Amino acid sequence: MKNGDIIKYKYGSETNQEFVVIISVETMNGIIIFDNIIGGAVGDTTIGYSLDDYEQTTYIEFANFLKYNNINI
């Protein structure tokens, strides 16, 4: 994994998910780009993501999630 990669919550569903862009692999610091599970605000930064709970994904999968759920951000 490298800075700029996108991760998603492993236990999310087709309609509820959290997507985060990693901005520092060393500290697992990320920016929330979508979250309707925990309710994190888009643009918030957090530190300490555990990869046990997240998996790497793609921007295409993120875009498809938004399109499938008719979400406009």
PDB file of N, CA and C in Angstrom:
ATOM      1  N   MET A   1       0.843  -1.168   0.000  1.00  0.00           N
ATOM      2  CA  MET A   1       0.000   0.000   0.000  1.00  0.00           C
ATOM      3  C   MET A   1       0.893   1.237   0.000  1.00  0.00           C
ATOM      4  N   LYS A   2       0.394   2.280  -0.681  1.00  0.00           N
ATOM      5  CA  LYS A   2       1.176   3.522  -0.757  1.00  0.00           C
ATOM      6  C   LYS A   2       0.258   4.719  -0.549  1.00  0.00           C
ATOM      7  N   ASN A   3       0.866   5.857  -0.301  1.00  0.00           N
ATOM      8  CA  ASN A   3       0.087   7.084  -0.143  1.00  0.00           C
ATOM      9  C   ASN A   3      -0.753   7.314  -1.397  1.00  0.00           C
ATOM     10  N   GLY A   4      -1.996   7.717  -1.198  1.00  0.00           N
ATOM     11  CA  GLY A   4      -2.910   7.954  -2.319  1.00  0.00           C
ATOM     12  C   GLY A   4      -3.810   6.774  -2.624  1.00  0.00           C
ATOM     13  N   ASP A   5      -3.497   5.600  -2.056  1.00  0.00           N
ATOM     14  CA  ASP A   5      -4.369   4.438  -2.248  1.00  0.00           C
ATOM     15  C   ASP A   5      -5.671   4.637  -1.492  1.00  0.00           C
ATOM     16  N   ILE A   6      -6.697   3.937  -1.907  1.00  0.00           N
ATOM     17  CA  ILE A   6      -8.004   4.024  -1.281  1.00  0.00           C
ATOM     18  C   ILE A   6      -8.316   2.691  -0.602  1.00  0.00           C
ATOM     19  N   ILE A   7      -8.889   2.788   0.602  1.00  0.00           N
ATOM     20  CA  ILE A   7      -9.294   1.598   1.331  1.00  0.00           C
ATOM     21  C   ILE A   7     -10.779   1.702   1.662  1.00  0.00           C
ATOM     22  N   LYS A   8     -11.394   0.535   1.900  1.00  0.00           N
ATOM     23  CA  LYS A   8     -12.802   0.513   2.308  1.00  0.00           C
ATOM     24  C   LYS A   8     -12.951  -0.420   3.488  1.00  0.00           C
ATOM     25  N   TYR A   9     -14.018  -0.221   4.245  1.00  0.00           N
ATOM     26  CA  TYR A   9     -14.309  -1.025   5.415  1.00  0.00           C
ATOM     27  C   TYR A   9     -14.681  -2.436   4.974  1.00  0.00           C
ATOM     28  N   LYS A  10     -13.996  -3.448   5.524  1.00  0.00           N
ATOM     29  CA  LYS A  10     -14.218  -4.842   5.115  1.00  0.00           C
ATOM     30  C   LYS A  10     -15.632  -5.317   5.365  1.00  0.00           C
ATOM     31  N   TYR A  11     -16.268  -4.773   6.384  1.00  0.00           N
ATOM     32  CA  TYR A  11     -17.570  -5.286   6.795  1.00  0.00           C
ATOM     33  C   TYR A  11     -18.716  -4.406   6.309  1.00  0.00           C
ATOM     34  N   GLY A  12     -18.423  -3.520   5.371  1.00  0.00           N
ATOM     35  CA  GLY A  12     -19.470  -2.698   4.774  1.00  0.00           C
ATOM     36  C   GLY A  12     -20.320  -3.535   3.828  1.00  0.00           C
ATOM     37  N   SER A  13     -21.383  -2.932   3.347  1.00  0.00           N
ATOM     38  CA  SER A  13     -22.288  -3.639   2.442  1.00  0.00           C
ATOM     39  C   SER A  13     -22.393  -2.894   1.118  1.00  0.00           C
ATOM     40  N   GLU A  14     -23.297  -3.342   0.271  1.00  0.00           N
ATOM     41  CA  GLU A  14     -23.511  -2.672  -1.019  1.00  0.00           C
ATOM     42  C   GLU A  14     -24.110  -1.281  -0.841  1.00  0.00           C
ATOM     43  N   THR A  15     -24.749  -1.022   0.307  1.00  0.00           N
ATOM     44  CA  THR A  15     -25.385   0.281   0.528  1.00  0.00           C
ATOM     45  C   THR A  15     -24.760   1.079   1.661  1.00  0.00           C
ATOM     46  N   ASN A  16     -24.003   0.448   2.533  1.00  0.00           N
ATOM     47  CA  ASN A  16     -23.345   1.138   3.645  1.00  0.00           C
ATOM     48  C   ASN A  16     -21.857   0.860   3.596  1.00  0.00           C
ATOM     49  N   GLN A  17     -21.073   1.935   3.519  1.00  0.00           N
ATOM     50  CA  GLN A  17     -19.644   1.743   3.331  1.00  0.00           C
ATOM     51  C   GLN A  17     -18.888   2.972   3.810  1.00  0.00           C
ATOM     52  N   GLU A  18     -17.602   2.784   4.058  1.00  0.00           N
ATOM     53  CA  GLU A  18     -16.685   3.873   4.359  1.00  0.00           C
ATOM     54  C   GLU A  18     -15.486   3.741   3.432  1.00  0.00           C
ATOM     55  N   PHE A  19     -15.143   4.830   2.754  1.00  0.00           N
ATOM     56  CA  PHE A  19     -13.983   4.873   1.867  1.00  0.00           C
ATOM     57  C   PHE A  19     -13.023   5.941   2.387  1.00  0.00           C
ATOM     58  N   VAL A  20     -11.732   5.615   2.388  1.00  0.00           N
ATOM     59  CA  VAL A  20     -10.698   6.496   2.924  1.00  0.00           C
ATOM     60  C   VAL A  20      -9.516   6.512   1.968  1.00  0.00           C
ATOM     61  N   VAL A  21      -8.939   7.694   1.752  1.00  0.00           N
ATOM     62  CA  VAL A  21      -7.702   7.816   0.979  1.00  0.00           C
ATOM     63  C   VAL A  21      -6.549   7.914   1.964  1.00  0.00           C
ATOM     64  N   ILE A  22      -5.558   7.054   1.799  1.00  0.00           N
ATOM     65  CA  ILE A  22      -4.384   7.058   2.678  1.00  0.00           C
ATOM     66  C   ILE A  22      -3.463   8.211   2.282  1.00  0.00           C
ATOM     67  N   ILE A  23      -3.140   9.045   3.274  1.00  0.00           N
ATOM     68  CA  ILE A  23      -2.206  10.146   2.995  1.00  0.00           C
ATOM     69  C   ILE A  23      -0.844   9.923   3.652  1.00  0.00           C
ATOM     70  N   SER A  24      -0.768   8.971   4.591  1.00  0.00           N
ATOM     71  CA  SER A  24       0.521   8.608   5.172  1.00  0.00           C
ATOM     72  C   SER A  24       0.473   7.141   5.593  1.00  0.00           C
ATOM     73  N   VAL A  25       1.209   6.314   4.882  1.00  0.00           N
ATOM     74  CA  VAL A  25       1.260   4.896   5.209  1.00  0.00           C
ATOM     75  C   VAL A  25       1.944   4.686   6.563  1.00  0.00           C
ATOM     76  N   GLU A  26       2.943   5.509   6.868  1.00  0.00           N
ATOM     77  CA  GLU A  26       3.693   5.350   8.107  1.00  0.00           C
ATOM     78  C   GLU A  26       2.802   5.461   9.335  1.00  0.00           C
ATOM     79  N   THR A  27       1.858   6.383   9.344  1.00  0.00           N
ATOM     80  CA  THR A  27       0.975   6.586  10.498  1.00  0.00           C
ATOM     81  C   THR A  27      -0.444   6.102  10.225  1.00  0.00           C
ATOM     82  N   MET A  28      -0.679   5.522   9.046  1.00  0.00           N
ATOM     83  CA  MET A  28      -2.019   5.120   8.609  1.00  0.00           C
ATOM     84  C   MET A  28      -2.999   6.281   8.783  1.00  0.00           C
ATOM     85  N   ASN A  29      -2.566   7.427   8.293  1.00  0.00           N
ATOM     86  CA  ASN A  29      -3.361   8.646   8.309  1.00  0.00           C
ATOM     87  C   ASN A  29      -4.175   8.696   7.034  1.00  0.00           C
ATOM     88  N   GLY A  30      -5.463   8.981   7.144  1.00  0.00           N
ATOM     89  CA  GLY A  30      -6.306   9.002   5.968  1.00  0.00           C
ATOM     90  C   GLY A  30      -7.322  10.119   5.971  1.00  0.00           C
ATOM     91  N   ILE A  31      -7.875  10.373   4.803  1.00  0.00           N
ATOM     92  CA  ILE A  31      -8.948  11.354   4.627  1.00  0.00           C
ATOM     93  C   ILE A  31     -10.206  10.597   4.238  1.00  0.00           C
ATOM     94  N   ILE A  32     -11.279  10.818   4.978  1.00  0.00           N
ATOM     95  CA  ILE A  32     -12.552  10.172   4.667  1.00  0.00           C
ATOM     96  C   ILE A  32     -13.124  10.799   3.405  1.00  0.00           C
ATOM     97  N   ILE A  33     -13.435   9.972   2.406  1.00  0.00           N
ATOM     98  CA  ILE A  33     -14.066  10.500   1.198  1.00  0.00           C
ATOM     99  C   ILE A  33     -15.542  10.089   1.107  1.00  0.00           C
ATOM    100  N   PHE A  34     -15.946   9.103   1.919  1.00  0.00           N
ATOM    101  CA  PHE A  34     -17.354   8.751   2.048  1.00  0.00           C
ATOM    102  C   PHE A  34     -17.515   7.869   3.273  1.00  0.00           C
ATOM    103  N   ASP A  35     -18.567   8.132   4.056  1.00  0.00           N
ATOM    104  CA  ASP A  35     -18.823   7.303   5.238  1.00  0.00           C
ATOM    105  C   ASP A  35     -20.294   7.408   5.626  1.00  0.00           C
ATOM    106  N   ASN A  36     -21.037   6.342   5.395  1.00  0.00           N
ATOM    107  CA  ASN A  36     -22.400   6.304   5.915  1.00  0.00           C
ATOM    108  C   ASN A  36     -22.560   5.152   6.913  1.00  0.00           C
ATOM    109  N   ILE A  37     -21.442   4.721   7.495  1.00  0.00           N
ATOM    110  CA  ILE A  37     -21.460   3.697   8.542  1.00  0.00           C
ATOM    111  C   ILE A  37     -21.291   4.371   9.910  1.00  0.00           C
ATOM    112  N   ILE A  38     -20.166   5.032  10.094  1.00  0.00           N
ATOM    113  CA  ILE A  38     -19.858   5.669  11.375  1.00  0.00           C
ATOM    114  C   ILE A  38     -20.345   7.114  11.398  1.00  0.00           C
ATOM    115  N   GLY A  39     -20.488   7.699  10.216  1.00  0.00           N
ATOM    116  CA  GLY A  39     -20.954   9.077  10.135  1.00  0.00           C
ATOM    117  C   GLY A  39     -19.837  10.100  10.127  1.00  0.00           C
ATOM    118  N   GLY A  40     -18.633   9.667   9.753  1.00  0.00           N
ATOM    119  CA  GLY A  40     -17.521  10.603   9.644  1.00  0.00           C
ATOM    120  C   GLY A  40     -17.762  11.599   8.523  1.00  0.00           C
ATOM    121  N   ALA A  41     -17.353  12.829   8.753  1.00  0.00           N
ATOM    122  CA  ALA A  41     -17.553  13.886   7.764  1.00  0.00           C
ATOM    123  C   ALA A  41     -16.538  13.757   6.631  1.00  0.00           C
ATOM    124  N   VAL A  42     -17.011  13.934   5.420  1.00  0.00           N
ATOM    125  CA  VAL A  42     -16.122  13.918   4.257  1.00  0.00           C
ATOM    126  C   VAL A  42     -15.073  15.012   4.444  1.00  0.00           C
ATOM    127  N   GLY A  43     -13.826  14.656   4.256  1.00  0.00           N
ATOM    128  CA  GLY A  43     -12.726  15.600   4.407  1.00  0.00           C
ATOM    129  C   GLY A  43     -12.029  15.512   5.747  1.00  0.00           C
ATOM    130  N   ASP A  44     -12.650  14.850   6.731  1.00  0.00           N
ATOM    131  CA  ASP A  44     -11.990  14.668   8.026  1.00  0.00           C
ATOM    132  C   ASP A  44     -10.761  13.792   7.857  1.00  0.00           C
ATOM    133  N   THR A  45      -9.731  14.097   8.621  1.00  0.00           N
ATOM    134  CA  THR A  45      -8.540  13.245   8.623  1.00  0.00           C
ATOM    135  C   THR A  45      -8.480  12.501   9.949  1.00  0.00           C
ATOM    136  N   THR A  46      -8.027  11.284   9.886  1.00  0.00           N
ATOM    137  CA  THR A  46      -7.874  10.470  11.085  1.00  0.00           C
ATOM    138  C   THR A  46      -6.574   9.695  10.988  1.00  0.00           C
ATOM    139  N   ILE A  47      -6.107   9.233  12.120  1.00  0.00           N
ATOM    140  CA  ILE A  47      -4.845   8.491  12.197  1.00  0.00           C
ATOM    141  C   ILE A  47      -5.109   7.137  12.836  1.00  0.00           C
ATOM    142  N   GLY A  48      -4.395   6.124  12.382  1.00  0.00           N
ATOM    143  CA  GLY A  48      -4.406   4.837  13.038  1.00  0.00           C
ATOM    144  C   GLY A  48      -5.362   3.819  12.459  1.00  0.00           C
ATOM    145  N   TYR A  49      -5.617   3.874  11.177  1.00  0.00           N
ATOM    146  CA  TYR A  49      -6.472   2.857  10.564  1.00  0.00           C
ATOM    147  C   TYR A  49      -5.820   1.493  10.701  1.00  0.00           C
ATOM    148  N   SER A  50      -6.594   0.518  11.113  1.00  0.00           N
ATOM    149  CA  SER A  50      -6.118  -0.856  11.216  1.00  0.00           C
ATOM    150  C   SER A  50      -6.481  -1.597   9.946  1.00  0.00           C
ATOM    151  N   LEU A  51      -5.499  -2.120   9.270  1.00  0.00           N
ATOM    152  CA  LEU A  51      -5.779  -2.835   8.027  1.00  0.00           C
ATOM    153  C   LEU A  51      -6.524  -4.140   8.279  1.00  0.00           C
ATOM    154  N   ASP A  52      -6.641  -4.534   9.542  1.00  0.00           N
ATOM    155  CA  ASP A  52      -7.450  -5.710   9.857  1.00  0.00           C
ATOM    156  C   ASP A  52      -8.926  -5.449   9.536  1.00  0.00           C
ATOM    157  N   ASP A  53      -9.345  -4.186   9.619  1.00  0.00           N
ATOM    158  CA  ASP A  53     -10.742  -3.808   9.380  1.00  0.00           C
ATOM    159  C   ASP A  53     -10.987  -3.233   7.988  1.00  0.00           C
ATOM    160  N   TYR A  54      -9.921  -2.998   7.219  1.00  0.00           N
ATOM    161  CA  TYR A  54     -10.043  -2.354   5.916  1.00  0.00           C
ATOM    162  C   TYR A  54      -9.326  -3.174   4.854  1.00  0.00           C
ATOM    163  N   GLU A  55      -9.735  -2.955   3.614  1.00  0.00           N
ATOM    164  CA  GLU A  55      -9.067  -3.607   2.488  1.00  0.00           C
ATOM    165  C   GLU A  55      -8.878  -2.586   1.380  1.00  0.00           C
ATOM    166  N   GLN A  56      -7.843  -2.793   0.595  1.00  0.00           N
ATOM    167  CA  GLN A  56      -7.565  -1.882  -0.507  1.00  0.00           C
ATOM    168  C   GLN A  56      -8.639  -2.038  -1.577  1.00  0.00           C
ATOM    169  N   THR A  57      -9.016  -0.933  -2.175  1.00  0.00           N
ATOM    170  CA  THR A  57     -10.012  -0.931  -3.243  1.00  0.00           C
ATOM    171  C   THR A  57      -9.540   0.025  -4.329  1.00  0.00           C
ATOM    172  N   THR A  58     -10.429   0.387  -5.241  1.00  0.00           N
ATOM    173  CA  THR A  58     -10.058   1.272  -6.341  1.00  0.00           C
ATOM    174  C   THR A  58     -11.021   2.454  -6.400  1.00  0.00           C
ATOM    175  N   TYR A  59     -10.589   3.488  -7.091  1.00  0.00           N
ATOM    176  CA  TYR A  59     -11.460   4.640  -7.291  1.00  0.00           C
ATOM    177  C   TYR A  59     -12.652   4.261  -8.171  1.00  0.00           C
ATOM    178  N   ILE A  60     -12.472   3.310  -9.052  1.00  0.00           N
ATOM    179  CA  ILE A  60     -13.575   2.847  -9.901  1.00  0.00           C
ATOM    180  C   ILE A  60     -14.643   2.175  -9.032  1.00  0.00           C
ATOM    181  N   GLU A  61     -14.222   1.336  -8.090  1.00  0.00           N
ATOM    182  CA  GLU A  61     -15.193   0.707  -7.189  1.00  0.00           C
ATOM    183  C   GLU A  61     -15.917   1.758  -6.350  1.00  0.00           C
ATOM    184  N   PHE A  62     -15.189   2.779  -5.889  1.00  0.00           N
ATOM    185  CA  PHE A  62     -15.803   3.872  -5.142  1.00  0.00           C
ATOM    186  C   PHE A  62     -16.840   4.595  -6.011  1.00  0.00           C
ATOM    187  N   ALA A  63     -16.479   4.921  -7.238  1.00  0.00           N
ATOM    188  CA  ALA A  63     -17.405   5.596  -8.147  1.00  0.00           C
ATOM    189  C   ALA A  63     -18.632   4.732  -8.431  1.00  0.00           C
ATOM    190  N   ASN A  64     -18.428   3.443  -8.620  1.00  0.00           N
ATOM    191  CA  ASN A  64     -19.558   2.538  -8.856  1.00  0.00           C
ATOM    192  C   ASN A  64     -20.474   2.460  -7.639  1.00  0.00           C
ATOM    193  N   PHE A  65     -19.900   2.492  -6.438  1.00  0.00           N
ATOM    194  CA  PHE A  65     -20.704   2.499  -5.215  1.00  0.00           C
ATOM    195  C   PHE A  65     -21.598   3.735  -5.186  1.00  0.00           C
ATOM    196  N   LEU A  66     -21.020   4.890  -5.495  1.00  0.00           N
ATOM    197  CA  LEU A  66     -21.802   6.135  -5.480  1.00  0.00           C
ATOM    198  C   LEU A  66     -22.899   6.092  -6.531  1.00  0.00           C
ATOM    199  N   LYS A  67     -22.572   5.602  -7.727  1.00  0.00           N
ATOM    200  CA  LYS A  67     -23.552   5.531  -8.802  1.00  0.00           C
ATOM    201  C   LYS A  67     -24.671   4.548  -8.461  1.00  0.00           C
ATOM    202  N   TYR A  68     -24.334   3.371  -7.958  1.00  0.00           N
ATOM    203  CA  TYR A  68     -25.319   2.341  -7.632  1.00  0.00           C
ATOM    204  C   TYR A  68     -26.305   2.838  -6.566  1.00  0.00           C
ATOM    205  N   ASN A  69     -25.811   3.647  -5.629  1.00  0.00           N
ATOM    206  CA  ASN A  69     -26.642   4.125  -4.529  1.00  0.00           C
ATOM    207  C   ASN A  69     -27.204   5.524  -4.770  1.00  0.00           C
ATOM    208  N   ASN A  70     -27.042   6.052  -5.968  1.00  0.00           N
ATOM    209  CA  ASN A  70     -27.542   7.401  -6.314  1.00  0.00           C
ATOM    210  C   ASN A  70     -27.088   8.455  -5.320  1.00  0.00           C
ATOM    211  N   ILE A  71     -25.803   8.449  -5.001  1.00  0.00           N
ATOM    212  CA  ILE A  71     -25.245   9.384  -4.034  1.00  0.00           C
ATOM    213  C   ILE A  71     -24.526  10.492  -4.784  1.00  0.00           C
ATOM    214  N   ASN A  72     -24.889  11.721  -4.466  1.00  0.00           N
ATOM    215  CA  ASN A  72     -24.228  12.887  -5.055  1.00  0.00           C
ATOM    216  C   ASN A  72     -23.430  13.586  -3.966  1.00  0.00           C
ATOM    217  N   ILE A  73     -22.089  13.639  -4.181  1.00  0.00           N
ATOM    218  CA  ILE A  73     -21.252  14.358  -3.216  1.00  0.00           C
ATOM    219  C   ILE A  73     -20.476  15.417  -3.929  1.00  0.00           C
TER     220      ILE A  73
END
